[in-house]
PDB file of N, CA and C in Angstrom:
ATOM      1  N   MET A   1     137.331 102.323 -96.677  1.00  0.00           N
ATOM      2  CA  MET A   1     136.322 103.054 -97.048  1.00  0.00           C
ATOM      3  C   MET A   1     135.360 103.243 -96.015  1.00  0.00           C
ATOM      4  N   THR A   2     134.862 104.359 -95.741  1.00  0.00           N
ATOM      5  CA  THR A   2     133.956 104.534 -94.643  1.00  0.00           C
ATOM      6  C   THR A   2     132.559 103.998 -95.073  1.00  0.00           C
ATOM      7  N   GLU A   3     131.860 103.845 -94.229  1.00  0.00           N
ATOM      8  CA  GLU A   3     130.228 103.287 -94.492  1.00  0.00           C
ATOM      9  C   GLU A   3     129.548 105.013 -94.714  1.00  0.00           C
ATOM     10  N   PRO A   4     128.374 104.881 -95.593  1.00  0.00           N
ATOM     11  CA  PRO A   4     127.979 106.216 -95.382  1.00  0.00           C
ATOM     12  C   PRO A   4     127.006 106.302 -94.327  1.00  0.00           C
ATOM     13  N   LYS A   5     126.652 107.537 -93.723  1.00  0.00           N
ATOM     14  CA  LYS A   5     125.908 107.577 -92.467  1.00  0.00           C
ATOM     15  C   LYS A   5     124.772 107.751 -93.044  1.00  0.00           C
ATOM     16  N   VAL A   6     123.911 106.739 -92.400  1.00  0.00           N
ATOM     17  CA  VAL A   6     122.125 106.770 -92.892  1.00  0.00           C
ATOM     18  C   VAL A   6     121.665 107.295 -91.609  1.00  0.00           C
ATOM     19  N   PRO A   7     120.574 108.419 -91.588  1.00  0.00           N
ATOM     20  CA  PRO A   7     119.807 108.938 -90.386  1.00  0.00           C
ATOM     21  C   PRO A   7     119.116 108.017 -89.745  1.00  0.00           C
ATOM     22  N   LYS A   8     118.942 108.069 -88.455  1.00  0.00           N
ATOM     23  CA  LYS A   8     117.871 106.842 -87.971  1.00  0.00           C
ATOM     24  C   LYS A   8     116.405 107.501 -88.554  1.00  0.00           C
ATOM     25  N   ARG A   9     115.551 106.466 -88.835  1.00  0.00           N
ATOM     26  CA  ARG A   9     114.401 106.926 -89.164  1.00  0.00           C
ATOM     27  C   ARG A   9     113.356 105.563 -88.615  1.00  0.00           C
ATOM     28  N   ASP A  10     112.053 106.257 -88.188  1.00  0.00           N
ATOM     29  CA  ASP A  10     111.065 105.042 -87.998  1.00  0.00           C
ATOM     30  C   ASP A  10     110.665 104.594 -89.015  1.00  0.00           C
ATOM     31  N   GLN A  11     109.316 103.689 -88.856  1.00  0.00           N
ATOM     32  CA  GLN A  11     108.879 103.157 -89.839  1.00  0.00           C
ATOM     33  C   GLN A  11     107.956 103.998 -91.023  1.00  0.00           C
ATOM     34  N   LYS A  12     107.185 104.931 -90.387  1.00  0.00           N
ATOM     35  CA  LYS A  12     106.460 106.035 -90.689  1.00  0.00           C
ATOM     36  C   LYS A  12     107.234 107.103 -91.763  1.00  0.00           C
ATOM     37  N   GLU A  13     108.541 107.452 -91.315  1.00  0.00           N
ATOM     38  CA  GLU A  13     109.352 108.249 -91.655  1.00  0.00           C
ATOM     39  C   GLU A  13     109.975 107.808 -92.721  1.00  0.00           C
ATOM     40  N   SER A  14     110.322 106.167 -92.817  1.00  0.00           N
ATOM     41  CA  SER A  14     110.913 105.534 -94.103  1.00  0.00           C
ATOM     42  C   SER A  14     109.952 105.570 -95.258  1.00  0.00           C
ATOM     43  N   LEU A  15     108.455 105.019 -94.843  1.00  0.00           N
ATOM     44  CA  LEU A  15     107.674 105.116 -96.022  1.00  0.00           C
ATOM     45  C   LEU A  15     107.816 106.451 -96.759  1.00  0.00           C
ATOM     46  N   THR A  16     107.533 107.579 -95.651  1.00  0.00           N
ATOM     47  CA  THR A  16     107.152 109.058 -96.442  1.00  0.00           C
ATOM     48  C   THR A  16     108.527 109.157 -97.406  1.00  0.00           C
ATOM     49  N   ASP A  17     109.681 108.864 -96.990  1.00  0.00           N
ATOM     50  CA  ASP A  17     111.026 109.105 -97.621  1.00  0.00           C
ATOM     51  C   ASP A  17     110.764 108.218 -98.974  1.00  0.00           C
ATOM     52  N   LEU A  18     110.451 106.887 -99.150  1.00  0.00           N
ATOM     53  CA  LEU A  18     110.150 106.081-100.202  1.00  0.00           C
ATOM     54  C   LEU A  18     109.031 106.603-101.053  1.00  0.00           C
ATOM     55  N   LEU A  19     107.983 107.243-100.405  1.00  0.00           N
ATOM     56  CA  LEU A  19     106.796 107.922-101.171  1.00  0.00           C
ATOM     57  C   LEU A  19     107.696 109.458-102.026  1.00  0.00           C
ATOM     58  N   THR A  20     108.436 110.121-101.354  1.00  0.00           N
ATOM     59  CA  THR A  20     108.849 111.156-101.966  1.00  0.00           C
ATOM     60  C   THR A  20     109.744 110.862-102.948  1.00  0.00           C
ATOM     61  N   SER A  21     110.560 109.795-102.794  1.00  0.00           N
ATOM     62  CA  SER A  21     111.325 109.350-103.818  1.00  0.00           C
ATOM     63  C   SER A  21     110.828 109.150-105.224  1.00  0.00           C
ATOM     64  N   ILE A  22     109.625 108.501-104.890  1.00  0.00           N
ATOM     65  CA  ILE A  22     108.492 107.696-106.204  1.00  0.00           C
ATOM     66  C   ILE A  22     108.077 108.845-106.855  1.00  0.00           C
ATOM     67  N   ALA A  23     107.491 110.162-105.833  1.00  0.00           N
ATOM     68  CA  ALA A  23     107.140 111.333-106.525  1.00  0.00           C
ATOM     69  C   ALA A  23     108.231 111.933-107.500  1.00  0.00           C
ATOM     70  N   LEU A  24     109.504 112.081-106.930  1.00  0.00           N
ATOM     71  CA  LEU A  24     110.782 112.812-107.581  1.00  0.00           C
ATOM     72  C   LEU A  24     110.896 112.166-108.685  1.00  0.00           C
ATOM     73  N   GLU A  25     110.963 110.915-108.771  1.00  0.00           N
ATOM     74  CA  GLU A  25     111.325 110.104-110.065  1.00  0.00           C
ATOM     75  C   GLU A  25     110.213 110.471-111.039  1.00  0.00           C
ATOM     76  N   GLU A  26     109.143 110.264-110.672  1.00  0.00           N
ATOM     77  CA  GLU A  26     108.172 110.661-111.584  1.00  0.00           C
ATOM     78  C   GLU A  26     108.043 111.911-112.216  1.00  0.00           C
ATOM     79  N   THR A  27     108.472 112.675-111.193  1.00  0.00           N
ATOM     80  CA  THR A  27     108.453 114.381-111.933  1.00  0.00           C
ATOM     81  C   THR A  27     109.743 114.323-112.992  1.00  0.00           C
ATOM     82  N   ALA A  28     110.725 113.741-112.521  1.00  0.00           N
ATOM     83  CA  ALA A  28     111.811 113.541-113.527  1.00  0.00           C
ATOM     84  C   ALA A  28     111.678 112.961-114.807  1.00  0.00           C
ATOM     85  N   LEU A  29     110.888 111.922-114.885  1.00  0.00           N
ATOM     86  CA  LEU A  29     110.507 111.289-115.867  1.00  0.00           C
ATOM     87  C   LEU A  29     109.561 112.104-116.932  1.00  0.00           C
ATOM     88  N   ALA A  30     108.611 112.742-116.132  1.00  0.00           N
ATOM     89  CA  ALA A  30     107.732 113.727-116.654  1.00  0.00           C
ATOM     90  C   ALA A  30     108.330 114.988-117.676  1.00  0.00           C
ATOM     91  N   HIS A  31     109.577 115.302-116.832  1.00  0.00           N
ATOM     92  CA  HIS A  31     110.401 116.429-117.636  1.00  0.00           C
ATOM     93  C   HIS A  31     111.388 115.867-118.640  1.00  0.00           C
ATOM     94  N   LEU A  32     111.609 114.489-118.556  1.00  0.00           N
ATOM     95  CA  LEU A  32     112.097 113.731-119.743  1.00  0.00           C
ATOM     96  C   LEU A  32     111.310 113.814-120.969  1.00  0.00           C
ATOM     97  N   ILE A  33     110.025 113.453-120.576  1.00  0.00           N
ATOM     98  CA  ILE A  33     108.910 113.121-121.626  1.00  0.00           C
ATOM     99  C   ILE A  33     108.889 114.515-122.403  1.00  0.00           C
ATOM    100  N   ASN A  34     108.850 115.618-121.462  1.00  0.00           N
ATOM    101  CA  ASN A  34     108.469 116.821-122.020  1.00  0.00           C
ATOM    102  C   ASN A  34     109.336 117.338-123.156  1.00  0.00           C
ATOM    103  N   ALA A  35     110.922 116.926-122.501  1.00  0.00           N
ATOM    104  CA  ALA A  35     112.005 117.344-123.203  1.00  0.00           C
ATOM    105  C   ALA A  35     111.933 116.571-124.883  1.00  0.00           C
ATOM    106  N   GLU A  36     111.681 115.416-124.503  1.00  0.00           N
ATOM    107  CA  GLU A  36     111.558 114.712-125.878  1.00  0.00           C
ATOM    108  C   GLU A  36     110.558 115.144-126.801  1.00  0.00           C
ATOM    109  N   ALA A  37     109.289 115.707-126.326  1.00  0.00           N
ATOM    110  CA  ALA A  37     108.391 116.203-127.315  1.00  0.00           C
ATOM    111  C   ALA A  37     108.486 117.634-127.825  1.00  0.00           C
ATOM    112  N   GLU A  38     109.505 118.564-126.976  1.00  0.00           N
ATOM    113  CA  GLU A  38     109.992 119.638-127.788  1.00  0.00           C
ATOM    114  C   GLU A  38     110.997 119.484-128.495  1.00  0.00           C
ATOM    115  N   LYS A  39     111.769 118.244-128.172  1.00  0.00           N
ATOM    116  CA  LYS A  39     112.955 118.258-129.370  1.00  0.00           C
ATOM    117  C   LYS A  39     112.093 117.605-130.766  1.00  0.00           C
ATOM    118  N   VAL A  40     111.049 116.916-130.607  1.00  0.00           N
ATOM    119  CA  VAL A  40     110.547 116.510-131.790  1.00  0.00           C
ATOM    120  C   VAL A  40     109.718 117.755-132.376  1.00  0.00           C
ATOM    121  N   GLN A  41     108.992 118.411-131.680  1.00  0.00           N
ATOM    122  CA  GLN A  41     108.077 119.683-132.096  1.00  0.00           C
ATOM    123  C   GLN A  41     109.549 120.685-132.877  1.00  0.00           C
ATOM    124  N   GLU A  42     110.616 120.816-132.580  1.00  0.00           N
ATOM    125  CA  GLU A  42     111.640 121.511-133.281  1.00  0.00           C
ATOM    126  C   GLU A  42     112.130 120.970-134.655  1.00  0.00           C
ATOM    127  N   LEU A  43     112.311 119.767-134.517  1.00  0.00           N
ATOM    128  CA  LEU A  43     112.669 118.883-135.646  1.00  0.00           C
ATOM    129  C   LEU A  43     111.613 118.912-136.640  1.00  0.00           C
ATOM    130  N   VAL A  44     110.589 118.942-136.389  1.00  0.00           N
ATOM    131  CA  VAL A  44     109.084 118.941-137.216  1.00  0.00           C
ATOM    132  C   VAL A  44     109.332 120.052-138.076  1.00  0.00           C
ATOM    133  N   LYS A  45     109.238 120.998-137.140  1.00  0.00           N
ATOM    134  CA  LYS A  45     109.404 122.600-137.526  1.00  0.00           C
ATOM    135  C   LYS A  45     110.476 122.957-138.578  1.00  0.00           C
ATOM    136  N   ASP A  46     111.594 122.363-138.023  1.00  0.00           N
ATOM    137  CA  ASP A  46     112.830 122.842-138.898  1.00  0.00           C
ATOM    138  C   ASP A  46     113.114 121.805-140.393  1.00  0.00           C
ATOM    139  N   ASP A  47     112.769 120.561-139.863  1.00  0.00           N
ATOM    140  CA  ASP A  47     113.241 119.476-140.979  1.00  0.00           C
ATOM    141  C   ASP A  47     112.459 118.265-140.580  1.00  0.00           C
ATOM    142  N   PRO A  48     111.082 118.086-141.334  1.00  0.00           N
ATOM    143  CA  PRO A  48     110.611 116.605-141.074  1.00  0.00           C
ATOM    144  C   PRO A  48     111.363 115.190-141.340  1.00  0.00           C
ATOM    145  N   GLU A  49     112.274 115.351-142.310  1.00  0.00           N
ATOM    146  CA  GLU A  49     112.979 114.171-142.435  1.00  0.00           C
ATOM    147  C   GLU A  49     113.963 114.183-141.574  1.00  0.00           C
ATOM    148  N   GLU A  50     114.603 114.878-140.820  1.00  0.00           N
ATOM    149  CA  GLU A  50     115.202 114.738-139.425  1.00  0.00           C
ATOM    150  C   GLU A  50     114.371 114.108-138.405  1.00  0.00           C
ATOM    151  N   ALA A  51     113.220 114.797-138.454  1.00  0.00           N
ATOM    152  CA  ALA A  51     112.445 114.186-137.393  1.00  0.00           C
ATOM    153  C   ALA A  51     112.156 112.829-137.617  1.00  0.00           C
ATOM    154  N   LEU A  52     111.986 112.437-138.639  1.00  0.00           N
ATOM    155  CA  LEU A  52     111.652 110.816-139.042  1.00  0.00           C
ATOM    156  C   LEU A  52     112.702 109.968-138.364  1.00  0.00           C
ATOM    157  N   ALA A  53     114.195 110.469-138.809  1.00  0.00           N
ATOM    158  CA  ALA A  53     115.403 109.856-138.351  1.00  0.00           C
ATOM    159  C   ALA A  53     115.663 109.922-137.028  1.00  0.00           C
ATOM    160  N   ALA A  54     115.016 110.932-136.246  1.00  0.00           N
ATOM    161  CA  ALA A  54     115.432 110.987-134.765  1.00  0.00           C
ATOM    162  C   ALA A  54     114.281 110.120-134.180  1.00  0.00           C
ATOM    163  N   GLN A  55     113.120 109.590-134.970  1.00  0.00           N
ATOM    164  CA  GLN A  55     112.102 108.374-134.086  1.00  0.00           C
ATOM    165  C   GLN A  55     112.651 107.469-133.404  1.00  0.00           C
ATOM    166  N   GLU A  56     113.666 106.960-133.772  1.00  0.00           N
ATOM    167  CA  GLU A  56     114.110 105.636-132.903  1.00  0.00           C
ATOM    168  C   GLU A  56     114.703 106.133-131.977  1.00  0.00           C
ATOM    169  N   GLU A  57     115.429 107.026-131.989  1.00  0.00           N
ATOM    170  CA  GLU A  57     116.277 107.500-130.565  1.00  0.00           C
ATOM    171  C   GLU A  57     115.190 107.942-129.588  1.00  0.00           C
ATOM    172  N   VAL A  58     114.045 108.750-129.923  1.00  0.00           N
ATOM    173  CA  VAL A  58     112.771 109.030-129.149  1.00  0.00           C
ATOM    174  C   VAL A  58     112.161 107.470-128.510  1.00  0.00           C
ATOM    175  N   ARG A  59     111.888 106.882-129.424  1.00  0.00           N
ATOM    176  CA  ARG A  59     111.453 105.635-129.034  1.00  0.00           C
ATOM    177  C   ARG A  59     112.219 104.786-128.137  1.00  0.00           C
ATOM    178  N   LYS A  60     113.583 104.939-128.152  1.00  0.00           N
ATOM    179  CA  LYS A  60     114.310 104.268-127.092  1.00  0.00           C
ATOM    180  C   LYS A  60     114.124 104.854-125.727  1.00  0.00           C
ATOM    181  N   VAL A  61     114.296 106.033-125.762  1.00  0.00           N
ATOM    182  CA  VAL A  61     113.952 107.087-124.559  1.00  0.00           C
ATOM    183  C   VAL A  61     112.674 106.789-123.934  1.00  0.00           C
ATOM    184  N   LEU A  62     111.690 106.756-124.613  1.00  0.00           N
ATOM    185  CA  LEU A  62     110.380 106.838-124.441  1.00  0.00           C
ATOM    186  C   LEU A  62     109.842 105.189-123.759  1.00  0.00           C
ATOM    187  N   ARG A  63     110.699 104.067-124.265  1.00  0.00           N
ATOM    188  CA  ARG A  63     110.759 102.927-123.839  1.00  0.00           C
ATOM    189  C   ARG A  63     111.355 102.744-122.565  1.00  0.00           C
ATOM    190  N   THR A  64     112.617 103.436-122.326  1.00  0.00           N
ATOM    191  CA  THR A  64     113.419 103.314-121.093  1.00  0.00           C
ATOM    192  C   THR A  64     112.435 104.005-119.900  1.00  0.00           C
ATOM    193  N   VAL A  65     111.575 105.221-120.355  1.00  0.00           N
ATOM    194  CA  VAL A  65     110.741 105.811-119.240  1.00  0.00           C
ATOM    195  C   VAL A  65     109.808 104.859-119.006  1.00  0.00           C
ATOM    196  N   ILE A  66     109.050 104.378-119.792  1.00  0.00           N
ATOM    197  CA  ILE A  66     108.122 103.173-119.319  1.00  0.00           C
ATOM    198  C   ILE A  66     108.606 102.155-118.650  1.00  0.00           C
ATOM    199  N   LYS A  67     109.599 101.718-118.813  1.00  0.00           N
ATOM    200  CA  LYS A  67     110.626 100.389-117.955  1.00  0.00           C
ATOM    201  C   LYS A  67     110.687 101.054-116.518  1.00  0.00           C
ATOM    202  N   LYS A  68     110.812 102.235-116.349  1.00  0.00           N
ATOM    203  CA  LYS A  68     111.198 103.161-114.840  1.00  0.00           C
ATOM    204  C   LYS A  68     109.733 103.359-114.607  1.00  0.00           C
ATOM    205  N   GLN A  69     108.978 103.788-115.180  1.00  0.00           N
ATOM    206  CA  GLN A  69     107.630 103.861-114.883  1.00  0.00           C
ATOM    207  C   GLN A  69     106.948 102.657-113.988  1.00  0.00           C
ATOM    208  N   MET A  70     107.136 101.501-114.693  1.00  0.00           N
ATOM    209  CA  MET A  70     106.981 100.096-114.263  1.00  0.00           C
ATOM    210  C   MET A  70     107.368  99.702-112.736  1.00  0.00           C
ATOM    211  N   LEU A  71     108.466  99.999-112.913  1.00  0.00           N
ATOM    212  CA  LEU A  71     109.304  99.870-111.689  1.00  0.00           C
ATOM    213  C   LEU A  71     108.529 100.564-110.395  1.00  0.00           C
ATOM    214  N   LEU A  72     108.542 101.876-110.760  1.00  0.00           N
ATOM    215  CA  LEU A  72     108.128 102.909-109.917  1.00  0.00           C
ATOM    216  C   LEU A  72     106.582 102.671-109.288  1.00  0.00           C
ATOM    217  N   GLN A  73     105.817 101.775-110.132  1.00  0.00           N
ATOM    218  CA  GLN A  73     104.504 101.163-110.088  1.00  0.00           C
ATOM    219  C   GLN A  73     104.675  99.868-109.031  1.00  0.00           C
ATOM    220  N   PHE A  74     105.617  99.280-109.164  1.00  0.00           N
ATOM    221  CA  PHE A  74     105.978  98.145-108.144  1.00  0.00           C
ATOM    222  C   PHE A  74     106.174  98.631-106.890  1.00  0.00           C
ATOM    223  N   LYS A  75     107.411  99.548-106.855  1.00  0.00           N
ATOM    224  CA  LYS A  75     107.796 100.352-105.546  1.00  0.00           C
ATOM    225  C   LYS A  75     106.392 100.864-104.685  1.00  0.00           C
ATOM    226  N   LEU A  76     105.842 101.444-105.516  1.00  0.00           N
ATOM    227  CA  LEU A  76     104.509 102.021-104.891  1.00  0.00           C
ATOM    228  C   LEU A  76     103.498 101.145-104.356  1.00  0.00           C
ATOM    229  N   GLU A  77     103.471 100.148-105.130  1.00  0.00           N
ATOM    230  CA  GLU A  77     102.297  99.033-104.781  1.00  0.00           C
ATOM    231  C   GLU A  77     103.069  98.469-103.275  1.00  0.00           C
ATOM    232  N   ASP A  78     104.310  98.201-103.328  1.00  0.00           N
ATOM    233  CA  ASP A  78     104.927  97.587-102.165  1.00  0.00           C
ATOM    234  C   ASP A  78     105.002  98.361-100.881  1.00  0.00           C
ATOM    235  N   VAL A  79     105.139  99.727-101.122  1.00  0.00           N
ATOM    236  CA  VAL A  79     105.172 100.760-100.115  1.00  0.00           C
ATOM    237  C   VAL A  79     103.833 100.843 -99.665  1.00  0.00           C
ATOM    238  N   LEU A  80     102.680 100.876-100.418  1.00  0.00           N
ATOM    239  CA  LEU A  80     101.431 100.727 -99.968  1.00  0.00           C
ATOM    240  C   LEU A  80     100.856  99.705 -99.160  1.00  0.00           C
ATOM    241  N   ASP A  81     101.518  98.464 -99.833  1.00  0.00           N
ATOM    242  CA  ASP A  81     101.066  97.159 -99.026  1.00  0.00           C
ATOM    243  C   ASP A  81     101.623  97.316 -97.804  1.00  0.00           C
ATOM    244  N   PHE A  82     103.124  97.847 -97.370  1.00  0.00           N
ATOM    245  CA  PHE A  82     103.668  97.569 -96.429  1.00  0.00           C
ATOM    246  C   PHE A  82     103.100  98.406 -95.203  1.00  0.00           C
ATOM    247  N   LYS A  83     102.402  99.699 -96.049  1.00  0.00           N
ATOM    248  CA  LYS A  83     101.829 100.751 -95.074  1.00  0.00           C
ATOM    249  C   LYS A  83     100.590 100.018 -94.380  1.00  0.00           C
ATOM    250  N   LYS A  84      99.765  99.358 -95.246  1.00  0.00           N
ATOM    251  CA  LYS A  84      98.636  98.656 -94.805  1.00  0.00           C
ATOM    252  C   LYS A  84      98.903  97.796 -93.799  1.00  0.00           C
ATOM    253  N   GLN A  85      99.877  96.669 -94.002  1.00  0.00           N
ATOM    254  CA  GLN A  85     100.319  95.614 -93.164  1.00  0.00           C
ATOM    255  C   GLN A  85     100.699  96.456 -91.386  1.00  0.00           C
ATOM    256  N   LEU A  86     101.355  97.921 -91.766  1.00  0.00           N
ATOM    257  CA  LEU A  86     101.762  98.334 -90.249  1.00  0.00           C
ATOM    258  C   LEU A  86     100.546  98.951 -89.858  1.00  0.00           C
ATOM    259  N   GLU A  87      99.532  99.384 -90.375  1.00  0.00           N
ATOM    260  CA  GLU A  87      98.220  99.734 -89.589  1.00  0.00           C
ATOM    261  C   GLU A  87      97.767  98.800 -89.092  1.00  0.00           C
ATOM    262  N   ILE A  88      97.259  97.413 -89.893  1.00  0.00           N
ATOM    263  CA  ILE A  88      97.023  96.233 -89.127  1.00  0.00           C
ATOM    264  C   ILE A  88      97.518  95.895 -88.008  1.00  0.00           C
ATOM    265  N   ASP A  89      98.727  95.865 -87.999  1.00  0.00           N
ATOM    266  CA  ASP A  89      99.565  95.535 -86.829  1.00  0.00           C
ATOM    267  C   ASP A  89      99.393  96.352 -85.983  1.00  0.00           C
ATOM    268  N   ARG A  90      99.759  97.734 -85.853  1.00  0.00           N
ATOM    269  CA  ARG A  90      99.154  98.569 -84.869  1.00  0.00           C
ATOM    270  C   ARG A  90      97.636  98.368 -84.053  1.00  0.00           C
ATOM    271  N   ARG A  91      96.521  98.149 -85.221  1.00  0.00           N
ATOM    272  CA  ARG A  91      95.373  98.079 -84.427  1.00  0.00           C
ATOM    273  C   ARG A  91      95.210  96.809 -83.754  1.00  0.00           C
ATOM    274  N   ARG A  92      95.979  95.602 -84.265  1.00  0.00           N
ATOM    275  CA  ARG A  92      95.987  94.553 -83.425  1.00  0.00           C
ATOM    276  C   ARG A  92      96.904  94.665 -82.027  1.00  0.00           C
ATOM    277  N   ARG A  93      97.883  95.449 -82.055  1.00  0.00           N
ATOM    278  CA  ARG A  93      98.796  95.752 -80.764  1.00  0.00           C
ATOM    279  C   ARG A  93      97.611  96.566 -79.944  1.00  0.00           C
ATOM    280  N   ARG A  94      97.180  97.572 -80.198  1.00  0.00           N
ATOM    281  CA  ARG A  94      96.297  98.289 -79.456  1.00  0.00           C
ATOM    282  C   ARG A  94      94.761  97.749 -79.110  1.00  0.00           C
ATOM    283  N   ARG A  95      94.462  96.547 -79.744  1.00  0.00           N
ATOM    284  CA  ARG A  95      93.240  95.603 -79.056  1.00  0.00           C
ATOM    285  C   ARG A  95      93.833  94.828 -77.969  1.00  0.00           C
ATOM    286  N   ARG A  96      95.093  94.239 -78.357  1.00  0.00           N
ATOM    287  CA  ARG A  96      95.660  93.402 -77.313  1.00  0.00           C
ATOM    288  C   ARG A  96      95.894  94.242 -76.053  1.00  0.00           C
ATOM    289  N   ARG A  97      96.241  95.370 -76.112  1.00  0.00           N
ATOM    290  CA  ARG A  97      96.524  96.522 -74.740  1.00  0.00           C
ATOM    291  C   ARG A  97      95.421  96.545 -74.332  1.00  0.00           C
ATOM    292  N   SER A  98      94.178  97.052 -74.787  1.00  0.00           N
ATOM    293  CA  SER A  98      92.806  97.170 -74.303  1.00  0.00           C
ATOM    294  C   SER A  98      92.405  96.142 -73.538  1.00  0.00           C
ATOM    295  N   SER A  99      92.486  94.945 -74.226  1.00  0.00           N
ATOM    296  CA  SER A  99      92.175  93.705 -73.588  1.00  0.00           C
ATOM    297  C   SER A  99      92.790  93.309 -72.277  1.00  0.00           C
ATOM    298  N   GLU A 100      93.995  93.701 -72.237  1.00  0.00           N
ATOM    299  CA  GLU A 100      94.772  93.146 -71.235  1.00  0.00           C
ATOM    300  C   GLU A 100      93.990  93.685 -69.720  1.00  0.00           C
TER     301      GLU A 100
END
């Protein structure tokens, strides 16, 4: 089995890729929430009893979405912390170079 080819990235490009992936996942989750809302609206319009029966399924989907959003929040916080640390390290290196 061959290994996947991973393009070379510097730290800034990697951070940008991570932020982009978070944004894309958030967009996908928003579409999922919207689809669930549309499904419920149709069920209520057609058959309110069926809408009540579908409530558990909708609850499970929304619970999964919430879990995913929590993980994305952690990921975002980690990326922003890493970015901040990179900026601090960069400033330190510049100061050291200018003092030499």
